[in-house]
Each structure stands twice: as structure tokens, then as C-alpha cells.
């Protein structure tokens, strides 16, 4: 379950994968043995067919998908379609074929005719869900995944685990973290209960992704390392490229470009392995960010164009980092490439338009619009690109000290006039008295802001309080060990939710509430 679809750029060395098909693979560990014991067999199956299926399963776990397909096709050519295990084997064929980009409809058609839910229906729903998600049809993709989950209770643990894996990935993309953690916990139970030790690294790899999103970079690196070590111990390809991509991005966010490059090298060395679109995109963005740090916007944009098909711009995983699209727009703009800036903006706007009512998409689209060329800058532009706008691309030697974003700040035009105030260059404490709110304003803050404050997340509250103390975005990022772009994104949401446009107003609201010892802590 470390593969992707044809469109995701996950197949990095097709011929090498095919060359592995004739090499013998035997179970050599307890995880192999338990996996084979838990796989469907039938008393009506010949010894040769059983051996072929075991070979296919071992190759699948090792990441040799073409070798697995070879043995699956040989086994299916000999098996009677009436034996109980036939549809489970068809399901395995559909899953493996989909991971190489193959059209699997033929195999679904062969197994049609059953009305009760079974493994083939569950896997087919999962494959369709995965395709819809990465085509940008998020609602349909999520619904198909949920339908597969509901039908997976009576199938073997392997297929239930697959539905859980895809659902966890979607929830992570949407930043629905608590539900994602719950699904990952269910995955652990499925792995333990089904003896699926070959897949034991998946939960750690997914939790590492959540750590990365939350700015817990050290934890992300540790979890990713644990996932890789566990996969290597099991001689499994499962989650390896996912973990390497997370570790690479986390190191870059910590200001460790050399370590990030080392993780990317390890990612690419696993050339026979397959990666889901989010892993491919994460690795590609890390490479582009490194290029920006070393060669500036022009080098980054050149690489962005080359790797465009790997950036998952039609997929929900584009907003794994909500500032990613805005950074693409700003970097293209800084390089003078208006066409690429428009292309990046259109990608996130299209995703938001096709999936209305998804807050993270709407925020990411607004964030990207603020960085677009030819647009009238608003407060978001100042928040996002004001503080380090003139600093240029982050150099690797300065990165470790400053803990920069993995997406270095581009050279962008700084908005003039009062919009520059929210960047933190001017402290709220030194703002002119004419900007200070009247007593009527403060009364309204107490009356009107409670509900708005209650809508803030704990992370947003934490960032807002640091900003209210007069810290710049860069200072908040260093204080909380977040990337500046992550701070920008959350602060932008704070301004939107509170319906304010200046840091002075934010400071007034928080200080007034604190001075009244308000018992209702916002966000709880």
C-alpha cells in the first residue's frame, strides 16, 4: 500500500520494477509468515496457484508491483472463478494494477454479479475514491471512501486496512486532525488484530505527517525515522517513501537543508518503490524550496515547471500546507513568470470552486489570491510577505539560525501605506493615538467578539497572543518553531474570524478581555 495512480508521478523507474519480476521472493520473517497466513486461500486451490499467490503477496510488500502482477495473472489464469477466494484475489489484482496506473475495470467486470458487499466491491470503491480525490473531486472521493469503510466490516483485515489508510490520508489533507488520529488508531487495531505486521509502519508514517502539519518538526522526523526503520526491519516497502518525504520537509522547516537533501536522496534511491501523490508532491516541493534557497526564484520556478505534474495541483493534498499555493504564486511572481503564477492561482481556485464549503480550501485560495500579480494587495499580502519581502531567498547557511519556512520568502513588492502596519515592522504599542479604539469600540469588543474568539483554534489563539505582544511573524515562527508561512496562514484566519484588519485592533481585543479576567478562555 505504498503506491499511487498513473497520474501521481509515483512510478519513478518502471523498467526496474519490471526487471524484478523474475527474482525469487520467499517469506523470510515473521511478518511475512503472518501476512501469508492471514491471506485468503482455498482448499480447492492447487499447490502451484497457492505458491504463485504467496509470491505475489511477498513481492507486493517488497514494493515489486510488476512482479506481483505477473504472479497474480498466472494464478488467476488457473483458478476456478467459483472458489471462495477468487474474488479476494481479484480484489488484490485490482489494487495492485491501480497502483501501476493500469485500467482495472476489466477485472472488476470479471467479478461482477454479486449483490452483497465483499472484498472486490470494497477495493473498487477505494480505487475510485482515490482517483476522484486526486482529480479534485473531494466530496465524491470522501463519500466513496466512507462507503467503502461501511462495507469493509465483513472483509478480511487487509482490505479494511486499505480503506482506513485512504480515509486517514484524506482527513490529513483536510486538516481534520482529531478524526485522522482516530482512524490511525483504528489502523493499529486492524494491523495487530489481523497479524498484518508487514504494514506496521503505516501508523507512524501518517502520524509523522500530522506532526509536520502541526509544526512539531522534531517529532515528525523521529516518527518518520521509526517508520523507515520498522519497514526495513520487515523488509517492506510500505510507507518508506512517505516517511522520507515527511522527514525531508521537516528538516527543511527546521533550517537543516543538508539533512533535507539527504532524506531526498534516500527517497530517490528507493526507485523501485511506489509513492502516493502526497509523498511525490511533498518531495517535489522540498526540492523546489531547496532550489529557491540556493538559486533564488528563477531557479525555483524553472524546477517548478519541470516538476509540475508531480505537484498534485488538482488534488486535496495540495492544501496539506495551506500556504503552498500562495508560495507558488509569489515565487512565480518574483521570477517574473506571470503565466506560472496564474496557473498556480487557477489550480487552487478551481479546487476551492469545485469543492465549496471546505474552509481550508477557501482560505488557501484567498491566501494565493493575495499574492497574485495584478491583484490589489490587501491585509493578507502585508501579513504574508511584508516582514521578509526584501530579504530575498533564504541562503542555506542562514537557514539553521533563522528556522525559515521550507518555502523561502520571495523577493516581492512591498505594499505601501497603512497596509504595511500588520507586518509587525511597527509595534502596536508605538501606533499613533488616533488609531486607538474608543470606549464604544472596547464595549463592542466585549459584546461582539466572544463568539468570534470562541471560533479560534488553540493554535490560532497561541499565535494571536504572541502577535498581540508585538512580535513579528518571523519572531512568532521562531518562538513556536513553526514556518513563517504557517504563522501567516493562521494569523490570516484570526483576522478573518475576528473581522479585523490591524494588529492594533487584535491587541486591543485581547488586552481588554484579559483585563476583565474573562472566565471563558476562547477556543476551549
Foldseek 3Di string as FASTA:
>chain_A
DFFAAPLQPFQQDVVVLLVCQPPFDDQDDLLLVLVLVLADDFPPADPLLSVLQSRLVRCVQLQSLNSNLVSLVVSLVPDDCPTPCNLVSLLVNLQSCRRNNHDSVVSLVVPDDDDAQESNQLSVLQSVLRVCQLQLLPVSSLVSLVVSCVRCPPYRLVSNLSSLLSNLVSCLLLVVPVVSLVSLVVSCVSCVVSSNQSQVLSSLLSVLLVCLLVLVLVSSLVSLVVSLVSNVVSSGLHSNLSSLLSNLQSCLLLLNNVVSVVSLVVSVVVNSHGHYLLSQQSSLLLVLLLLCQAPNLVSSVVSCVVCVSSNSLSHSNVVSPLQNLLLQLLSCVLNVNLVSNVVSLCSLVVSCVSPPPSVSSVLSSVLNQQRHPPDDHALLVLQQQVPCLCVTFHHSVCRNVQSARSRGRHNDDHDDDPSNQQQLPDFLVPDDPVPADDPVVLVCLVVPCQVLLQPAAPVLVLLLVVVLVRDGLSRSCVVSSHHSSSSSSSPVVSCVSRVHRHNNSSNSSVVSCVVVVPVDRHND
